[in-house]
Amino acid sequence: MNDQEMPVIGLVGPCKSGKTVLKRGLVSYGYPVKHIAQEHSFVPDMWKKIANPAILIYLKVSYQATLDRSSLSWSLEEYEEQLRRLTHARAHADLTIETDGKTPGEILRIVLDYLSSR
């Protein structure tokens, strides 16, 4: 398939939720993917204005998992602010994945299964 036949997939979620790794995996399968940094925007629907994806995937991650996944040092308040900024995107997501306790490969498989079922 070429890019015109494949829907653009948008990825949103807090920092360290796995967006970059998932994007890499989906691109390796030929999917056009937009990593949308909605968690840094004060505009609630910036995800739509930036990318207007045909499919929006929200990657959910706990505060503790963000700390465990990297040397990211941020406060619970900063994490919760990202969740607040992601409220609109999460409400409009076609697929939400809880990433805590899942490997990147498991998350990729969930998305590929979802895409093949559409």
N, C-alpha and C. Protein backbone atom coordinates (compact mmCIF):
# COMPACT_ATOMS: atom_id res chain seq x y z
N MET A 1 0.84 -1.19 0.00
CA MET A 1 0.00 0.00 0.00
C MET A 1 0.87 1.24 0.00
N ASN A 2 0.40 2.28 -0.65
CA ASN A 2 1.12 3.54 -0.58
C ASN A 2 0.45 4.43 0.45
N ASP A 3 1.08 5.57 0.76
CA ASP A 3 0.57 6.46 1.80
C ASP A 3 -0.84 6.96 1.51
N GLN A 4 -1.21 7.06 0.25
CA GLN A 4 -2.54 7.56 -0.09
C GLN A 4 -3.62 6.53 0.26
N GLU A 5 -3.28 5.26 0.32
CA GLU A 5 -4.24 4.23 0.66
C GLU A 5 -4.30 3.97 2.16
N MET A 6 -3.27 4.37 2.87
CA MET A 6 -3.20 4.08 4.30
C MET A 6 -3.60 5.31 5.10
N PRO A 7 -4.39 5.11 6.15
CA PRO A 7 -4.79 6.25 6.98
C PRO A 7 -3.61 6.78 7.79
N VAL A 8 -3.58 8.09 7.97
CA VAL A 8 -2.57 8.68 8.83
C VAL A 8 -2.96 8.38 10.28
N ILE A 9 -1.99 7.89 11.03
CA ILE A 9 -2.20 7.53 12.42
C ILE A 9 -1.54 8.59 13.29
N GLY A 10 -2.30 9.12 14.24
CA GLY A 10 -1.76 10.08 15.18
C GLY A 10 -1.53 9.41 16.53
N LEU A 11 -0.41 9.73 17.15
CA LEU A 11 -0.07 9.18 18.46
C LEU A 11 0.00 10.30 19.48
N VAL A 12 -0.73 10.13 20.58
CA VAL A 12 -0.69 11.08 21.68
C VAL A 12 -0.54 10.33 22.99
N GLY A 13 -0.05 11.04 23.98
CA GLY A 13 0.11 10.48 25.32
C GLY A 13 1.12 11.29 26.09
N PRO A 14 1.19 11.07 27.39
CA PRO A 14 2.17 11.78 28.20
C PRO A 14 3.60 11.41 27.80
N CYS A 15 4.55 12.20 28.25
CA CYS A 15 5.95 11.88 28.04
C CYS A 15 6.23 10.48 28.58
N LYS A 16 7.04 9.74 27.85
CA LYS A 16 7.47 8.39 28.23
C LYS A 16 6.36 7.35 28.15
N SER A 17 5.31 7.64 27.39
CA SER A 17 4.24 6.65 27.23
C SER A 17 4.57 5.64 26.13
N GLY A 18 5.55 5.96 25.28
CA GLY A 18 5.96 5.02 24.24
C GLY A 18 5.66 5.46 22.83
N LYS A 19 5.34 6.74 22.65
CA LYS A 19 4.96 7.23 21.32
C LYS A 19 6.08 7.07 20.29
N THR A 20 7.28 7.42 20.65
CA THR A 20 8.40 7.36 19.70
C THR A 20 8.70 5.93 19.28
N VAL A 21 8.70 5.02 20.22
CA VAL A 21 8.99 3.61 19.92
C VAL A 21 7.87 3.02 19.07
N LEU A 22 6.63 3.35 19.41
CA LEU A 22 5.50 2.84 18.62
C LEU A 22 5.54 3.40 17.21
N LYS A 23 5.85 4.67 17.08
CA LYS A 23 5.94 5.26 15.74
C LYS A 23 6.97 4.52 14.90
N ARG A 24 8.12 4.27 15.47
CA ARG A 24 9.18 3.54 14.75
C ARG A 24 8.67 2.17 14.28
N GLY A 25 7.98 1.47 15.14
CA GLY A 25 7.44 0.17 14.79
C GLY A 25 6.40 0.24 13.68
N LEU A 26 5.49 1.19 13.78
CA LEU A 26 4.44 1.32 12.76
C LEU A 26 5.03 1.74 11.41
N VAL A 27 5.99 2.65 11.44
CA VAL A 27 6.63 3.09 10.20
C VAL A 27 7.33 1.90 9.53
N SER A 28 7.91 1.01 10.33
CA SER A 28 8.58 -0.16 9.75
C SER A 28 7.60 -1.07 9.02
N TYR A 29 6.31 -0.96 9.35
CA TYR A 29 5.26 -1.72 8.65
C TYR A 29 4.64 -0.89 7.52
N GLY A 30 5.16 0.30 7.29
CA GLY A 30 4.69 1.13 6.19
C GLY A 30 3.57 2.08 6.51
N TYR A 31 3.22 2.23 7.77
CA TYR A 31 2.13 3.14 8.14
C TYR A 31 2.63 4.58 8.25
N PRO A 32 1.87 5.53 7.74
CA PRO A 32 2.19 6.95 7.95
C PRO A 32 1.74 7.35 9.35
N VAL A 33 2.67 7.84 10.15
CA VAL A 33 2.40 8.13 11.56
C VAL A 33 2.85 9.55 11.90
N LYS A 34 2.04 10.22 12.70
CA LYS A 34 2.38 11.54 13.23
C LYS A 34 2.47 11.43 14.75
N HIS A 35 3.62 11.75 15.28
CA HIS A 35 3.82 11.83 16.73
C HIS A 35 3.39 13.24 17.10
N ILE A 36 2.29 13.36 17.81
CA ILE A 36 1.71 14.66 18.12
C ILE A 36 2.03 15.02 19.58
N ALA A 37 2.74 16.10 19.78
CA ALA A 37 3.13 16.52 21.13
C ALA A 37 2.02 17.32 21.81
N GLN A 38 0.82 16.78 21.80
CA GLN A 38 -0.33 17.44 22.41
C GLN A 38 -0.12 17.72 23.89
N GLU A 39 0.67 16.88 24.56
CA GLU A 39 0.88 17.05 26.00
C GLU A 39 1.60 18.35 26.34
N HIS A 40 2.17 19.01 25.34
CA HIS A 40 2.89 20.27 25.56
C HIS A 40 2.10 21.48 25.08
N SER A 41 0.89 21.27 24.59
CA SER A 41 0.10 22.35 24.03
C SER A 41 -1.04 22.77 24.94
N PHE A 42 -1.27 24.08 25.01
CA PHE A 42 -2.40 24.60 25.76
C PHE A 42 -3.67 24.63 24.91
N VAL A 43 -3.56 24.34 23.62
CA VAL A 43 -4.71 24.32 22.72
C VAL A 43 -5.31 22.91 22.77
N PRO A 44 -6.51 22.74 23.31
CA PRO A 44 -7.06 21.40 23.54
C PRO A 44 -7.12 20.49 22.32
N ASP A 45 -7.42 21.04 21.15
CA ASP A 45 -7.54 20.20 19.96
C ASP A 45 -6.37 20.39 18.98
N MET A 46 -5.21 20.74 19.52
CA MET A 46 -4.03 20.94 18.67
C MET A 46 -3.71 19.67 17.88
N TRP A 47 -3.97 18.50 18.45
CA TRP A 47 -3.73 17.24 17.75
C TRP A 47 -4.46 17.22 16.41
N LYS A 48 -5.66 17.75 16.40
CA LYS A 48 -6.46 17.76 15.17
C LYS A 48 -5.96 18.83 14.21
N LYS A 49 -5.60 19.99 14.73
CA LYS A 49 -5.11 21.08 13.89
C LYS A 49 -3.76 20.74 13.25
N ILE A 50 -2.90 20.05 13.99
CA ILE A 50 -1.56 19.71 13.50
C ILE A 50 -1.62 18.58 12.48
N ALA A 51 -2.34 17.52 12.82
CA ALA A 51 -2.25 16.31 12.01
C ALA A 51 -3.57 15.84 11.41
N ASN A 52 -4.68 16.13 12.07
CA ASN A 52 -5.98 15.64 11.64
C ASN A 52 -5.91 14.17 11.21
N PRO A 53 -5.44 13.30 12.10
CA PRO A 53 -5.26 11.90 11.73
C PRO A 53 -6.58 11.17 11.50
N ALA A 54 -6.54 10.17 10.65
CA ALA A 54 -7.72 9.33 10.42
C ALA A 54 -7.95 8.42 11.63
N ILE A 55 -6.86 8.07 12.31
CA ILE A 55 -6.91 7.22 13.49
C ILE A 55 -6.06 7.89 14.57
N LEU A 56 -6.63 8.06 15.75
CA LEU A 56 -5.90 8.65 16.87
C LEU A 56 -5.72 7.59 17.95
N ILE A 57 -4.47 7.37 18.33
CA ILE A 57 -4.14 6.39 19.37
C ILE A 57 -3.59 7.13 20.57
N TYR A 58 -4.17 6.83 21.72
CA TYR A 58 -3.75 7.43 22.99
C TYR A 58 -3.00 6.37 23.79
N LEU A 59 -1.77 6.69 24.16
CA LEU A 59 -0.97 5.80 24.99
C LEU A 59 -1.02 6.29 26.43
N LYS A 60 -1.58 5.48 27.28
CA LYS A 60 -1.76 5.81 28.69
C LYS A 60 -0.59 5.23 29.48
N VAL A 61 -0.06 6.00 30.41
CA VAL A 61 1.05 5.56 31.24
C VAL A 61 0.91 6.18 32.63
N SER A 62 1.26 5.43 33.65
CA SER A 62 1.19 5.96 35.01
C SER A 62 2.39 6.86 35.28
N TYR A 63 2.24 7.70 36.26
CA TYR A 63 3.34 8.58 36.67
C TYR A 63 4.56 7.74 37.06
N GLN A 64 4.36 6.70 37.85
CA GLN A 64 5.48 5.87 38.29
C GLN A 64 6.21 5.24 37.11
N ALA A 65 5.47 4.78 36.12
CA ALA A 65 6.10 4.17 34.94
C ALA A 65 6.96 5.18 34.17
N THR A 66 6.52 6.45 34.13
CA THR A 66 7.34 7.45 33.44
C THR A 66 8.68 7.62 34.15
N LEU A 67 8.65 7.53 35.45
CA LEU A 67 9.90 7.65 36.22
C LEU A 67 10.77 6.41 36.03
N ASP A 68 10.14 5.24 35.98
CA ASP A 68 10.88 3.99 35.82
C ASP A 68 11.51 3.85 34.44
N ARG A 69 10.91 4.47 33.44
CA ARG A 69 11.36 4.30 32.05
C ARG A 69 12.55 5.18 31.68
N SER A 70 12.87 6.15 32.51
CA SER A 70 13.96 7.04 32.15
C SER A 70 14.45 7.81 33.35
N SER A 71 15.37 8.68 33.09
CA SER A 71 15.87 9.55 34.15
C SER A 71 15.06 10.85 34.20
N LEU A 72 13.89 10.83 33.61
CA LEU A 72 13.01 11.99 33.63
C LEU A 72 12.73 12.36 35.08
N SER A 73 13.00 13.58 35.41
CA SER A 73 12.69 14.03 36.77
C SER A 73 11.66 15.14 36.66
N TRP A 74 10.45 14.76 36.92
CA TRP A 74 9.38 15.73 36.90
C TRP A 74 8.46 15.43 38.06
N SER A 75 7.66 16.40 38.40
CA SER A 75 6.77 16.25 39.54
C SER A 75 5.44 15.61 39.12
N LEU A 76 4.74 15.12 40.10
CA LEU A 76 3.41 14.58 39.86
C LEU A 76 2.51 15.67 39.27
N GLU A 77 2.69 16.90 39.71
CA GLU A 77 1.88 18.01 39.20
C GLU A 77 2.13 18.24 37.71
N GLU A 78 3.39 18.13 37.29
CA GLU A 78 3.71 18.28 35.86
C GLU A 78 3.08 17.16 35.03
N TYR A 79 3.15 15.95 35.55
CA TYR A 79 2.51 14.80 34.88
C TYR A 79 1.00 15.03 34.77
N GLU A 80 0.38 15.45 35.86
CA GLU A 80 -1.06 15.68 35.85
C GLU A 80 -1.44 16.82 34.91
N GLU A 81 -0.57 17.81 34.76
CA GLU A 81 -0.83 18.89 33.80
C GLU A 81 -0.83 18.33 32.38
N GLN A 82 0.08 17.41 32.08
CA GLN A 82 0.07 16.79 30.76
C GLN A 82 -1.23 16.02 30.54
N LEU A 83 -1.68 15.30 31.54
CA LEU A 83 -2.96 14.59 31.41
C LEU A 83 -4.10 15.55 31.13
N ARG A 84 -4.08 16.70 31.81
CA ARG A 84 -5.12 17.71 31.58
C ARG A 84 -5.08 18.20 30.13
N ARG A 85 -3.88 18.46 29.63
CA ARG A 85 -3.74 18.94 28.25
C ARG A 85 -4.14 17.88 27.23
N LEU A 86 -4.12 16.64 27.63
CA LEU A 86 -4.46 15.52 26.73
C LEU A 86 -5.94 15.12 26.80
N THR A 87 -6.72 15.78 27.63
CA THR A 87 -8.12 15.40 27.85
C THR A 87 -8.91 15.31 26.55
N HIS A 88 -8.80 16.32 25.71
CA HIS A 88 -9.57 16.36 24.46
C HIS A 88 -9.13 15.22 23.53
N ALA A 89 -7.84 15.03 23.40
CA ALA A 89 -7.33 13.96 22.54
C ALA A 89 -7.77 12.59 23.06
N ARG A 90 -7.68 12.40 24.35
CA ARG A 90 -8.08 11.11 24.92
C ARG A 90 -9.56 10.84 24.66
N ALA A 91 -10.38 11.87 24.79
CA ALA A 91 -11.82 11.71 24.56
C ALA A 91 -12.13 11.36 23.11
N HIS A 92 -11.25 11.74 22.20
CA HIS A 92 -11.48 11.49 20.78
C HIS A 92 -10.64 10.35 20.21
N ALA A 93 -9.91 9.68 21.06
CA ALA A 93 -9.04 8.59 20.59
C ALA A 93 -9.87 7.41 20.10
N ASP A 94 -9.39 6.84 19.01
CA ASP A 94 -10.01 5.63 18.47
C ASP A 94 -9.57 4.39 19.25
N LEU A 95 -8.38 4.47 19.81
CA LEU A 95 -7.81 3.35 20.56
C LEU A 95 -7.00 3.92 21.71
N THR A 96 -7.22 3.42 22.92
CA THR A 96 -6.43 3.79 24.09
C THR A 96 -5.75 2.54 24.59
N ILE A 97 -4.45 2.65 24.83
CA ILE A 97 -3.68 1.50 25.30
C ILE A 97 -3.00 1.84 26.61
N GLU A 98 -3.22 1.02 27.61
CA GLU A 98 -2.51 1.12 28.88
C GLU A 98 -1.14 0.50 28.64
N THR A 99 -0.08 1.30 28.73
CA THR A 99 1.26 0.80 28.39
C THR A 99 2.04 0.25 29.59
N ASP A 100 1.59 0.54 30.80
CA ASP A 100 2.28 0.00 31.98
C ASP A 100 2.34 -1.53 31.88
N GLY A 101 3.50 -2.07 32.11
CA GLY A 101 3.64 -3.52 32.13
C GLY A 101 3.65 -4.19 30.77
N LYS A 102 3.63 -3.42 29.71
CA LYS A 102 3.67 -4.00 28.36
C LYS A 102 4.99 -3.66 27.69
N THR A 103 5.49 -4.59 26.90
CA THR A 103 6.71 -4.32 26.13
C THR A 103 6.34 -3.52 24.88
N PRO A 104 7.31 -2.86 24.28
CA PRO A 104 7.03 -2.17 23.02
C PRO A 104 6.44 -3.12 21.96
N GLY A 105 6.93 -4.34 21.92
CA GLY A 105 6.41 -5.31 20.97
C GLY A 105 4.96 -5.66 21.21
N GLU A 106 4.56 -5.76 22.47
CA GLU A 106 3.16 -6.05 22.81
C GLU A 106 2.26 -4.89 22.41
N ILE A 107 2.74 -3.68 22.63
CA ILE A 107 1.95 -2.49 22.27
C ILE A 107 1.81 -2.42 20.75
N LEU A 108 2.90 -2.66 20.03
CA LEU A 108 2.84 -2.66 18.57
C LEU A 108 1.85 -3.70 18.07
N ARG A 109 1.87 -4.89 18.65
CA ARG A 109 0.95 -5.96 18.23
C ARG A 109 -0.50 -5.55 18.47
N ILE A 110 -0.81 -4.90 19.58
CA ILE A 110 -2.16 -4.42 19.86
C ILE A 110 -2.61 -3.47 18.75
N VAL A 111 -1.73 -2.56 18.38
CA VAL A 111 -2.08 -1.57 17.35
C VAL A 111 -2.22 -2.25 15.99
N LEU A 112 -1.29 -3.12 15.63
CA LEU A 112 -1.40 -3.81 14.35
C LEU A 112 -2.67 -4.64 14.26
N ASP A 113 -3.03 -5.31 15.34
CA ASP A 113 -4.28 -6.08 15.36
C ASP A 113 -5.48 -5.15 15.19
N TYR A 114 -5.46 -4.02 15.85
CA TYR A 114 -6.55 -3.05 15.72
C TYR A 114 -6.64 -2.55 14.28
N LEU A 115 -5.51 -2.20 13.70
CA LEU A 115 -5.51 -1.68 12.32
C LEU A 115 -5.99 -2.73 11.33
N SER A 116 -5.62 -3.98 11.54
CA SER A 116 -6.04 -5.02 10.59
C SER A 116 -7.53 -5.34 10.73
N SER A 117 -8.12 -4.99 11.88
CA SER A 117 -9.54 -5.27 12.08
C SER A 117 -10.44 -4.16 11.53
N ARG A 118 -9.84 -3.05 11.11
CA ARG A 118 -10.64 -1.92 10.61
C ARG A 118 -11.05 -2.13 9.17
